[in-house]
All heavy atoms as atom14 arrays in JSON, in Angstrom:
{
  "sequence": "IWSGAEAVFRSLACVPEKRWMLWCFLRVPGFAPVSNFIYRFVAR",
  "atom14_mask": [
    [1, 1, 1, 1, 1, 1, 1, 1, 0, 0, 0, 0, 0, 0],
    [1, 1, 1, 1, 1, 1, 1, 1, 1, 1, 1, 1, 1, 1],
    [1, 1, 1, 1, 1, 1, 0, 0, 0, 0, 0, 0, 0, 0],
    [1, 1, 1, 1, 0, 0, 0, 0, 0, 0, 0, 0, 0, 0],
    [1, 1, 1, 1, 1, 0, 0, 0, 0, 0, 0, 0, 0, 0],
    [1, 1, 1, 1, 1, 1, 1, 1, 1, 0, 0, 0, 0, 0],
    [1, 1, 1, 1, 1, 0, 0, 0, 0, 0, 0, 0, 0, 0],
    [1, 1, 1, 1, 1, 1, 1, 0, 0, 0, 0, 0, 0, 0],
    [1, 1, 1, 1, 1, 1, 1, 1, 1, 1, 1, 0, 0, 0],
    [1, 1, 1, 1, 1, 1, 1, 1, 1, 1, 1, 0, 0, 0],
    [1, 1, 1, 1, 1, 1, 0, 0, 0, 0, 0, 0, 0, 0],
    [1, 1, 1, 1, 1, 1, 1, 1, 0, 0, 0, 0, 0, 0],
    [1, 1, 1, 1, 1, 0, 0, 0, 0, 0, 0, 0, 0, 0],
    [1, 1, 1, 1, 1, 1, 0, 0, 0, 0, 0, 0, 0, 0],
    [1, 1, 1, 1, 1, 1, 1, 0, 0, 0, 0, 0, 0, 0],
    [1, 1, 1, 1, 1, 1, 1, 0, 0, 0, 0, 0, 0, 0],
    [1, 1, 1, 1, 1, 1, 1, 1, 1, 0, 0, 0, 0, 0],
    [1, 1, 1, 1, 1, 1, 1, 1, 1, 0, 0, 0, 0, 0],
    [1, 1, 1, 1, 1, 1, 1, 1, 1, 1, 1, 0, 0, 0],
    [1, 1, 1, 1, 1, 1, 1, 1, 1, 1, 1, 1, 1, 1],
    [1, 1, 1, 1, 1, 1, 1, 1, 0, 0, 0, 0, 0, 0],
    [1, 1, 1, 1, 1, 1, 1, 1, 0, 0, 0, 0, 0, 0],
    [1, 1, 1, 1, 1, 1, 1, 1, 1, 1, 1, 1, 1, 1],
    [1, 1, 1, 1, 1, 1, 0, 0, 0, 0, 0, 0, 0, 0],
    [1, 1, 1, 1, 1, 1, 1, 1, 1, 1, 1, 0, 0, 0],
    [1, 1, 1, 1, 1, 1, 1, 1, 0, 0, 0, 0, 0, 0],
    [1, 1, 1, 1, 1, 1, 1, 1, 1, 1, 1, 0, 0, 0],
    [1, 1, 1, 1, 1, 1, 1, 0, 0, 0, 0, 0, 0, 0],
    [1, 1, 1, 1, 1, 1, 1, 0, 0, 0, 0, 0, 0, 0],
    [1, 1, 1, 1, 0, 0, 0, 0, 0, 0, 0, 0, 0, 0],
    [1, 1, 1, 1, 1, 1, 1, 1, 1, 1, 1, 0, 0, 0],
    [1, 1, 1, 1, 1, 0, 0, 0, 0, 0, 0, 0, 0, 0],
    [1, 1, 1, 1, 1, 1, 1, 0, 0, 0, 0, 0, 0, 0],
    [1, 1, 1, 1, 1, 1, 1, 0, 0, 0, 0, 0, 0, 0],
    [1, 1, 1, 1, 1, 1, 0, 0, 0, 0, 0, 0, 0, 0],
    [1, 1, 1, 1, 1, 1, 1, 1, 0, 0, 0, 0, 0, 0],
    [1, 1, 1, 1, 1, 1, 1, 1, 1, 1, 1, 0, 0, 0],
    [1, 1, 1, 1, 1, 1, 1, 1, 0, 0, 0, 0, 0, 0],
    [1, 1, 1, 1, 1, 1, 1, 1, 1, 1, 1, 1, 0, 0],
    [1, 1, 1, 1, 1, 1, 1, 1, 1, 1, 1, 0, 0, 0],
    [1, 1, 1, 1, 1, 1, 1, 1, 1, 1, 1, 0, 0, 0],
    [1, 1, 1, 1, 1, 1, 1, 0, 0, 0, 0, 0, 0, 0],
    [1, 1, 1, 1, 1, 0, 0, 0, 0, 0, 0, 0, 0, 0],
    [1, 1, 1, 1, 1, 1, 1, 1, 1, 1, 1, 0, 0, 0]
  ],
  "atom14_positions": [
    [[0.79, -1.16, 0.01], [-0.04, 0.02, -0.03], [0.98, 1.19, 0.04], [1.83, 1.4, 0.8], [-0.94, -0.03, 1.21], [-1.81, -1.19, 1.21], [-1.76, 1.28, 1.32], [-2.53, -1.45, 2.47], [0.0, 0.0, 0.0], [0.0, 0.0, 0.0], [0.0, 0.0, 0.0], [0.0, 0.0, 0.0], [0.0, 0.0, 0.0], [0.0, 0.0, 0.0]],
    [[0.63, 2.2, -0.84], [1.36, 3.36, -1.06], [0.34, 4.54, -0.85], [-0.81, 4.41, -1.25], [2.09, 3.53, -2.37], [2.82, 2.36, -2.71], [2.53, 1.09, -3.42], [4.22, 2.14, -2.39], [3.58, 0.36, -3.51], [4.65, 0.83, -2.82], [5.15, 2.88, -1.62], [5.87, 0.32, -2.64], [6.37, 2.4, -1.38], [6.8, 1.19, -1.96]],
    [[0.79, 5.58, -0.32], [-0.1, 6.73, 0.07], [0.51, 8.11, -0.44], [1.6, 8.23, -0.59], [-0.35, 6.78, 1.59], [-1.23, 7.79, 1.9], [0.0, 0.0, 0.0], [0.0, 0.0, 0.0], [0.0, 0.0, 0.0], [0.0, 0.0, 0.0], [0.0, 0.0, 0.0], [0.0, 0.0, 0.0], [0.0, 0.0, 0.0], [0.0, 0.0, 0.0]],
    [[-0.46, 8.98, -0.77], [-0.04, 10.33, -1.03], [0.63, 10.49, -2.39], [0.28, 9.8, -3.36], [0.0, 0.0, 0.0], [0.0, 0.0, 0.0], [0.0, 0.0, 0.0], [0.0, 0.0, 0.0], [0.0, 0.0, 0.0], [0.0, 0.0, 0.0], [0.0, 0.0, 0.0], [0.0, 0.0, 0.0], [0.0, 0.0, 0.0], [0.0, 0.0, 0.0]],
    [[1.67, 11.43, -2.45], [2.29, 11.6, -3.78], [2.99, 10.33, -4.32], [2.87, 10.13, -5.55], [3.39, 12.71, -3.52], [0.0, 0.0, 0.0], [0.0, 0.0, 0.0], [0.0, 0.0, 0.0], [0.0, 0.0, 0.0], [0.0, 0.0, 0.0], [0.0, 0.0, 0.0], [0.0, 0.0, 0.0], [0.0, 0.0, 0.0], [0.0, 0.0, 0.0]],
    [[3.54, 9.56, -3.52], [4.2, 8.3, -3.93], [3.13, 7.39, -4.47], [3.43, 6.85, -5.59], [4.95, 7.66, -2.77], [5.77, 6.39, -3.3], [6.79, 5.9, -2.48], [6.94, 6.45, -1.23], [7.63, 4.96, -2.91], [0.0, 0.0, 0.0], [0.0, 0.0, 0.0], [0.0, 0.0, 0.0], [0.0, 0.0, 0.0], [0.0, 0.0, 0.0]],
    [[1.96, 7.41, -4.03], [0.89, 6.5, -4.62], [0.54, 7.05, -6.02], [0.3, 6.3, -6.87], [-0.4, 6.57, -3.69], [0.0, 0.0, 0.0], [0.0, 0.0, 0.0], [0.0, 0.0, 0.0], [0.0, 0.0, 0.0], [0.0, 0.0, 0.0], [0.0, 0.0, 0.0], [0.0, 0.0, 0.0], [0.0, 0.0, 0.0], [0.0, 0.0, 0.0]],
    [[0.48, 8.4, -6.14], [0.23, 8.95, -7.42], [1.26, 8.56, -8.48], [0.99, 8.02, -9.58], [0.1, 10.44, -7.38], [0.03, 11.04, -8.78], [-1.05, 10.9, -6.49], [0.0, 0.0, 0.0], [0.0, 0.0, 0.0], [0.0, 0.0, 0.0], [0.0, 0.0, 0.0], [0.0, 0.0, 0.0], [0.0, 0.0, 0.0], [0.0, 0.0, 0.0]],
    [[2.58, 8.69, -8.13], [3.66, 8.43, -9.04], [3.78, 6.85, -9.32], [4.03, 6.44, -10.49], [5.04, 8.94, -8.52], [5.0, 10.43, -8.59], [5.2, 11.13, -7.41], [5.0, 11.04, -9.78], [5.28, 12.59, -7.5], [5.03, 12.46, -9.86], [5.26, 13.15, -8.77], [0.0, 0.0, 0.0], [0.0, 0.0, 0.0], [0.0, 0.0, 0.0]],
    [[3.46, 6.03, -8.33], [3.47, 4.59, -8.48], [2.34, 4.1, -9.43], [2.45, 3.34, -10.32], [3.54, 3.82, -7.23], [4.92, 3.96, -6.53], [5.04, 3.02, -5.39], [6.22, 3.22, -4.8], [7.4, 2.56, -5.17], [7.31, 1.66, -6.1], [8.58, 2.84, -4.58], [0.0, 0.0, 0.0], [0.0, 0.0, 0.0], [0.0, 0.0, 0.0]],
    [[1.16, 4.74, -9.29], [0.08, 4.52, -10.17], [0.41, 4.87, -11.58], [0.07, 4.22, -12.59], [-1.29, 5.09, -9.68], [-1.3, 6.4, -9.72], [0.0, 0.0, 0.0], [0.0, 0.0, 0.0], [0.0, 0.0, 0.0], [0.0, 0.0, 0.0], [0.0, 0.0, 0.0], [0.0, 0.0, 0.0], [0.0, 0.0, 0.0], [0.0, 0.0, 0.0]],
    [[0.94, 6.11, -11.76], [1.33, 6.65, -13.1], [2.37, 5.76, -13.75], [2.41, 5.64, -14.98], [1.81, 8.02, -13.01], [0.79, 9.08, -12.7], [1.48, 10.53, -12.42], [-0.19, 9.26, -13.88], [0.0, 0.0, 0.0], [0.0, 0.0, 0.0], [0.0, 0.0, 0.0], [0.0, 0.0, 0.0], [0.0, 0.0, 0.0], [0.0, 0.0, 0.0]],
    [[3.3, 5.09, -12.9], [4.27, 4.17, -13.5], [3.7, 2.94, -14.17], [4.44, 2.26, -14.82], [5.29, 3.88, -12.4], [0.0, 0.0, 0.0], [0.0, 0.0, 0.0], [0.0, 0.0, 0.0], [0.0, 0.0, 0.0], [0.0, 0.0, 0.0], [0.0, 0.0, 0.0], [0.0, 0.0, 0.0], [0.0, 0.0, 0.0], [0.0, 0.0, 0.0]],
    [[2.44, 2.69, -13.94], [1.81, 1.52, -14.67], [1.71, 1.81, -16.12], [1.35, 1.04, -16.88], [0.44, 1.29, -13.97], [0.57, 0.72, -12.28], [0.0, 0.0, 0.0], [0.0, 0.0, 0.0], [0.0, 0.0, 0.0], [0.0, 0.0, 0.0], [0.0, 0.0, 0.0], [0.0, 0.0, 0.0], [0.0, 0.0, 0.0], [0.0, 0.0, 0.0]],
    [[1.79, 3.1, -16.45], [1.82, 3.48, -17.89], [3.18, 3.73, -18.3], [3.88, 4.53, -17.79], [0.93, 4.83, -18.09], [0.96, 5.33, -19.56], [-0.43, 4.76, -17.57], [0.0, 0.0, 0.0], [0.0, 0.0, 0.0], [0.0, 0.0, 0.0], [0.0, 0.0, 0.0], [0.0, 0.0, 0.0], [0.0, 0.0, 0.0], [0.0, 0.0, 0.0]],
    [[3.66, 2.93, -19.27], [5.09, 3.05, -19.63], [5.63, 4.44, -19.88], [6.73, 4.69, -19.57], [5.21, 2.02, -20.93], [4.11, 1.09, -20.8], [2.99, 1.92, -20.0], [0.0, 0.0, 0.0], [0.0, 0.0, 0.0], [0.0, 0.0, 0.0], [0.0, 0.0, 0.0], [0.0, 0.0, 0.0], [0.0, 0.0, 0.0], [0.0, 0.0, 0.0]],
    [[4.78, 5.16, -20.58], [5.31, 6.53, -20.92], [5.44, 7.54, -19.76], [5.99, 8.63, -19.83], [4.35, 7.32, -21.97], [4.07, 6.58, -23.26], [3.11, 5.45, -23.14], [2.0, 5.71, -22.63], [3.26, 4.33, -23.54], [0.0, 0.0, 0.0], [0.0, 0.0, 0.0], [0.0, 0.0, 0.0], [0.0, 0.0, 0.0], [0.0, 0.0, 0.0]],
    [[4.95, 7.06, -18.67], [4.97, 7.93, -17.43], [5.8, 7.42, -16.32], [5.91, 7.93, -15.21], [3.58, 8.19, -16.95], [2.71, 8.8, -17.97], [1.36, 9.21, -17.44], [0.48, 9.81, -18.56], [0.49, 11.12, -18.71], [0.0, 0.0, 0.0], [0.0, 0.0, 0.0], [0.0, 0.0, 0.0], [0.0, 0.0, 0.0], [0.0, 0.0, 0.0]],
    [[6.54, 6.28, -16.58], [7.47, 5.72, -15.52], [8.5, 6.71, -15.12], [8.98, 6.62, -14.03], [8.17, 4.43, -16.07], [7.02, 3.34, -16.14], [7.78, 2.02, -16.39], [6.71, 1.01, -16.54], [6.68, 0.12, -17.47], [7.66, 0.05, -18.34], [5.8, -0.76, -17.62], [0.0, 0.0, 0.0], [0.0, 0.0, 0.0], [0.0, 0.0, 0.0]],
    [[8.85, 7.62, -15.95], [9.93, 8.52, -15.65], [9.57, 9.38, -14.45], [10.56, 9.79, -13.68], [10.3, 9.44, -16.89], [9.13, 10.37, -17.28], [8.15, 10.1, -18.15], [8.89, 11.7, -16.69], [7.26, 11.18, -18.2], [7.72, 12.15, -17.42], [9.56, 12.54, -15.85], [7.2, 13.45, -17.2], [9.07, 13.71, -15.54], [7.89, 14.19, -16.25]],
    [[8.29, 9.6, -14.19], [7.97, 10.41, -13.01], [8.3, 9.64, -11.68], [8.75, 10.27, -10.79], [6.41, 10.69, -13.07], [6.02, 11.57, -14.22], [4.27, 11.84, -14.14], [3.94, 12.42, -15.78], [0.0, 0.0, 0.0], [0.0, 0.0, 0.0], [0.0, 0.0, 0.0], [0.0, 0.0, 0.0], [0.0, 0.0, 0.0], [0.0, 0.0, 0.0]],
    [[8.07, 8.33, -11.64], [8.42, 7.58, -10.45], [9.89, 7.57, -10.29], [10.48, 7.71, -9.15], [7.87, 6.17, -10.47], [8.17, 5.31, -9.24], [7.71, 5.93, -8.01], [7.68, 3.87, -9.43], [0.0, 0.0, 0.0], [0.0, 0.0, 0.0], [0.0, 0.0, 0.0], [0.0, 0.0, 0.0], [0.0, 0.0, 0.0], [0.0, 0.0, 0.0]],
    [[10.55, 7.41, -11.42], [12.05, 7.48, -11.28], [12.61, 8.75, -10.73], [13.41, 8.69, -9.88], [12.66, 7.31, -12.82], [14.11, 7.13, -12.81], [14.84, 5.95, -12.74], [15.07, 8.14, -12.92], [16.27, 6.28, -12.75], [16.3, 7.69, -12.86], [15.05, 9.61, -12.99], [17.47, 8.42, -12.9], [16.15, 10.33, -13.15], [17.37, 9.82, -13.02]],
    [[12.0, 9.79, -11.19], [12.41, 11.11, -10.59], [12.11, 11.17, -9.06], [12.83, 11.66, -8.34], [11.64, 12.24, -11.33], [12.2, 12.6, -13.06], [0.0, 0.0, 0.0], [0.0, 0.0, 0.0], [0.0, 0.0, 0.0], [0.0, 0.0, 0.0], [0.0, 0.0, 0.0], [0.0, 0.0, 0.0], [0.0, 0.0, 0.0], [0.0, 0.0, 0.0]],
    [[10.84, 10.77, -8.79], [10.42, 10.77, -7.31], [11.43, 9.98, -6.53], [11.78, 10.35, -5.32], [9.0, 10.11, -7.17], [8.46, 10.24, -5.81], [7.87, 11.41, -5.36], [8.59, 9.11, -4.95], [7.35, 11.5, -4.03], [8.12, 9.2, -3.7], [7.45, 10.31, -3.18], [0.0, 0.0, 0.0], [0.0, 0.0, 0.0], [0.0, 0.0, 0.0]],
    [[11.99, 8.85, -7.05], [12.78, 8.0, -6.22], [14.21, 8.33, -6.24], [15.06, 8.02, -5.35], [12.67, 6.54, -6.66], [11.25, 5.84, -6.49], [11.24, 4.51, -7.17], [10.88, 5.84, -4.99], [0.0, 0.0, 0.0], [0.0, 0.0, 0.0], [0.0, 0.0, 0.0], [0.0, 0.0, 0.0], [0.0, 0.0, 0.0], [0.0, 0.0, 0.0]],
    [[14.71, 9.07, -7.39], [16.13, 9.22, -7.51], [16.57, 10.71, -7.65], [17.76, 10.92, -7.35], [16.6, 8.49, -8.85], [16.52, 6.98, -8.48], [17.02, 6.25, -9.79], [16.95, 4.8, -9.44], [15.85, 3.92, -9.5], [14.71, 4.54, -9.85], [15.97, 2.69, -9.25], [0.0, 0.0, 0.0], [0.0, 0.0, 0.0], [0.0, 0.0, 0.0]],
    [[15.71, 11.61, -8.05], [16.2, 13.04, -8.17], [16.22, 13.69, -6.94], [15.11, 13.81, -6.25], [15.3, 13.73, -9.2], [15.75, 15.19, -9.28], [15.49, 13.11, -10.66], [0.0, 0.0, 0.0], [0.0, 0.0, 0.0], [0.0, 0.0, 0.0], [0.0, 0.0, 0.0], [0.0, 0.0, 0.0], [0.0, 0.0, 0.0], [0.0, 0.0, 0.0]],
    [[17.36, 14.16, -6.43], [17.36, 14.87, -5.08], [16.41, 16.07, -5.03], [16.35, 16.9, -5.96], [18.83, 15.43, -4.96], [19.67, 14.51, -5.89], [18.81, 14.15, -7.04], [0.0, 0.0, 0.0], [0.0, 0.0, 0.0], [0.0, 0.0, 0.0], [0.0, 0.0, 0.0], [0.0, 0.0, 0.0], [0.0, 0.0, 0.0], [0.0, 0.0, 0.0]],
    [[15.61, 16.08, -3.91], [14.61, 17.13, -3.81], [13.27, 16.99, -4.4], [12.35, 17.58, -4.0], [0.0, 0.0, 0.0], [0.0, 0.0, 0.0], [0.0, 0.0, 0.0], [0.0, 0.0, 0.0], [0.0, 0.0, 0.0], [0.0, 0.0, 0.0], [0.0, 0.0, 0.0], [0.0, 0.0, 0.0], [0.0, 0.0, 0.0], [0.0, 0.0, 0.0]],
    [[13.2, 16.03, -5.36], [11.91, 15.89, -6.09], [10.9, 15.22, -5.15], [9.72, 15.71, -5.2], [12.14, 14.86, -7.16], [10.96, 14.78, -8.25], [10.9, 15.62, -9.4], [9.95, 14.0, -8.01], [9.85, 15.59, -10.16], [8.91, 13.89, -8.87], [8.83, 14.73, -9.95], [0.0, 0.0, 0.0], [0.0, 0.0, 0.0], [0.0, 0.0, 0.0]],
    [[11.27, 14.28, -4.34], [10.23, 13.68, -3.45], [9.64, 14.61, -2.4], [8.48, 14.74, -2.22], [10.73, 12.39, -2.78], [0.0, 0.0, 0.0], [0.0, 0.0, 0.0], [0.0, 0.0, 0.0], [0.0, 0.0, 0.0], [0.0, 0.0, 0.0], [0.0, 0.0, 0.0], [0.0, 0.0, 0.0], [0.0, 0.0, 0.0], [0.0, 0.0, 0.0]],
    [[10.6, 15.32, -1.67], [10.06, 16.3, -0.55], [9.31, 17.33, -1.28], [8.16, 17.8, -0.61], [11.42, 16.84, -0.03], [12.45, 15.94, -0.38], [12.07, 15.35, -1.62], [0.0, 0.0, 0.0], [0.0, 0.0, 0.0], [0.0, 0.0, 0.0], [0.0, 0.0, 0.0], [0.0, 0.0, 0.0], [0.0, 0.0, 0.0], [0.0, 0.0, 0.0]],
    [[9.56, 17.88, -2.46], [8.79, 18.92, -3.07], [7.5, 18.36, -3.46], [6.35, 18.94, -3.24], [9.56, 19.59, -4.25], [8.62, 20.47, -5.07], [10.75, 20.28, -3.69], [0.0, 0.0, 0.0], [0.0, 0.0, 0.0], [0.0, 0.0, 0.0], [0.0, 0.0, 0.0], [0.0, 0.0, 0.0], [0.0, 0.0, 0.0], [0.0, 0.0, 0.0]],
    [[7.43, 17.13, -4.11], [6.26, 16.54, -4.45], [5.31, 16.24, -3.23], [4.09, 16.51, -3.34], [6.53, 15.25, -5.22], [7.24, 15.46, -6.34], [0.0, 0.0, 0.0], [0.0, 0.0, 0.0], [0.0, 0.0, 0.0], [0.0, 0.0, 0.0], [0.0, 0.0, 0.0], [0.0, 0.0, 0.0], [0.0, 0.0, 0.0], [0.0, 0.0, 0.0]],
    [[5.79, 15.79, -2.27], [5.04, 15.54, -0.98], [4.58, 16.79, -0.44], [3.39, 16.8, 0.03], [5.99, 14.78, 0.14], [6.3, 13.39, -0.21], [5.31, 12.63, -0.77], [7.29, 12.9, 0.06], [0.0, 0.0, 0.0], [0.0, 0.0, 0.0], [0.0, 0.0, 0.0], [0.0, 0.0, 0.0], [0.0, 0.0, 0.0], [0.0, 0.0, 0.0]],
    [[5.35, 17.95, -0.44], [4.89, 19.2, 0.11], [3.64, 19.65, -0.84], [2.59, 20.08, -0.17], [6.01, 20.19, 0.07], [5.48, 21.61, 0.5], [5.32, 21.97, 1.77], [5.2, 22.48, -0.58], [4.82, 23.18, 2.05], [4.76, 23.75, -0.29], [4.51, 24.14, 1.12], [0.0, 0.0, 0.0], [0.0, 0.0, 0.0], [0.0, 0.0, 0.0]],
    [[3.84, 19.63, -2.09], [2.76, 20.09, -2.96], [1.5, 19.18, -2.8], [0.34, 19.74, -2.71], [3.16, 20.11, -4.44], [4.23, 21.12, -4.6], [2.06, 20.34, -5.39], [5.03, 21.16, -5.95], [0.0, 0.0, 0.0], [0.0, 0.0, 0.0], [0.0, 0.0, 0.0], [0.0, 0.0, 0.0], [0.0, 0.0, 0.0], [0.0, 0.0, 0.0]],
    [[1.73, 17.86, -2.68], [0.57, 16.99, -2.59], [-0.21, 17.27, -1.2], [-1.44, 17.5, -1.2], [0.98, 15.49, -2.53], [-0.22, 14.67, -2.44], [-0.73, 14.08, -3.49], [-0.76, 14.37, -1.21], [-1.91, 13.31, -3.43], [-1.81, 13.5, -1.08], [-2.45, 12.98, -2.22], [-3.52, 12.24, -2.12], [0.0, 0.0, 0.0], [0.0, 0.0, 0.0]],
    [[0.6, 17.44, -0.12], [-0.05, 17.89, 1.19], [-0.83, 19.21, 1.07], [-2.0, 19.33, 1.63], [0.91, 17.78, 2.28], [1.23, 16.38, 2.7], [2.03, 16.35, 4.01], [3.28, 17.23, 4.01], [4.54, 16.84, 3.57], [4.65, 15.52, 3.18], [5.48, 17.63, 3.5], [0.0, 0.0, 0.0], [0.0, 0.0, 0.0], [0.0, 0.0, 0.0]],
    [[-0.26, 20.13, 0.51], [-0.8, 21.42, 0.39], [-2.13, 21.34, -0.39], [-3.22, 21.89, -0.03], [0.15, 22.46, -0.37], [-0.5, 23.79, -0.55], [-0.35, 24.64, 0.58], [-1.03, 24.22, -1.64], [-0.96, 25.86, 0.48], [-1.53, 25.5, -1.8], [-1.52, 26.43, -0.76], [0.0, 0.0, 0.0], [0.0, 0.0, 0.0], [0.0, 0.0, 0.0]],
    [[-2.15, 20.69, -1.47], [-3.3, 20.59, -2.26], [-4.4, 19.84, -1.6], [-5.65, 20.16, -1.57], [-3.04, 19.94, -3.79], [-4.3, 19.51, -4.51], [-2.17, 20.85, -4.53], [0.0, 0.0, 0.0], [0.0, 0.0, 0.0], [0.0, 0.0, 0.0], [0.0, 0.0, 0.0], [0.0, 0.0, 0.0], [0.0, 0.0, 0.0], [0.0, 0.0, 0.0]],
    [[-4.09, 18.7, -0.96], [-4.97, 17.94, -0.17], [-5.59, 18.65, 0.9], [-6.76, 18.58, 1.14], [-4.21, 16.62, 0.41], [0.0, 0.0, 0.0], [0.0, 0.0, 0.0], [0.0, 0.0, 0.0], [0.0, 0.0, 0.0], [0.0, 0.0, 0.0], [0.0, 0.0, 0.0], [0.0, 0.0, 0.0], [0.0, 0.0, 0.0], [0.0, 0.0, 0.0]],
    [[-4.85, 19.49, 1.67], [-5.37, 20.37, 2.75], [-6.34, 21.43, 2.23], [-7.19, 21.97, 2.96], [-4.23, 21.04, 3.57], [-3.51, 20.04, 4.44], [-2.53, 20.72, 5.36], [-1.58, 19.82, 5.86], [-0.28, 19.93, 5.69], [0.21, 20.96, 5.1], [0.44, 18.93, 6.33], [0.0, 0.0, 0.0], [0.0, 0.0, 0.0], [0.0, 0.0, 0.0]]
  ]
}
């Protein structure tokens, strides 16, 4: 079970053309914290 921004990127990774987004979330420095911040802000 994945939640929040990571859940979004993992679901998008099911589409081959969108796997790069999960790659960025997992490997690009700063990408995950910024994504999580934006996700929480929008959710609130």
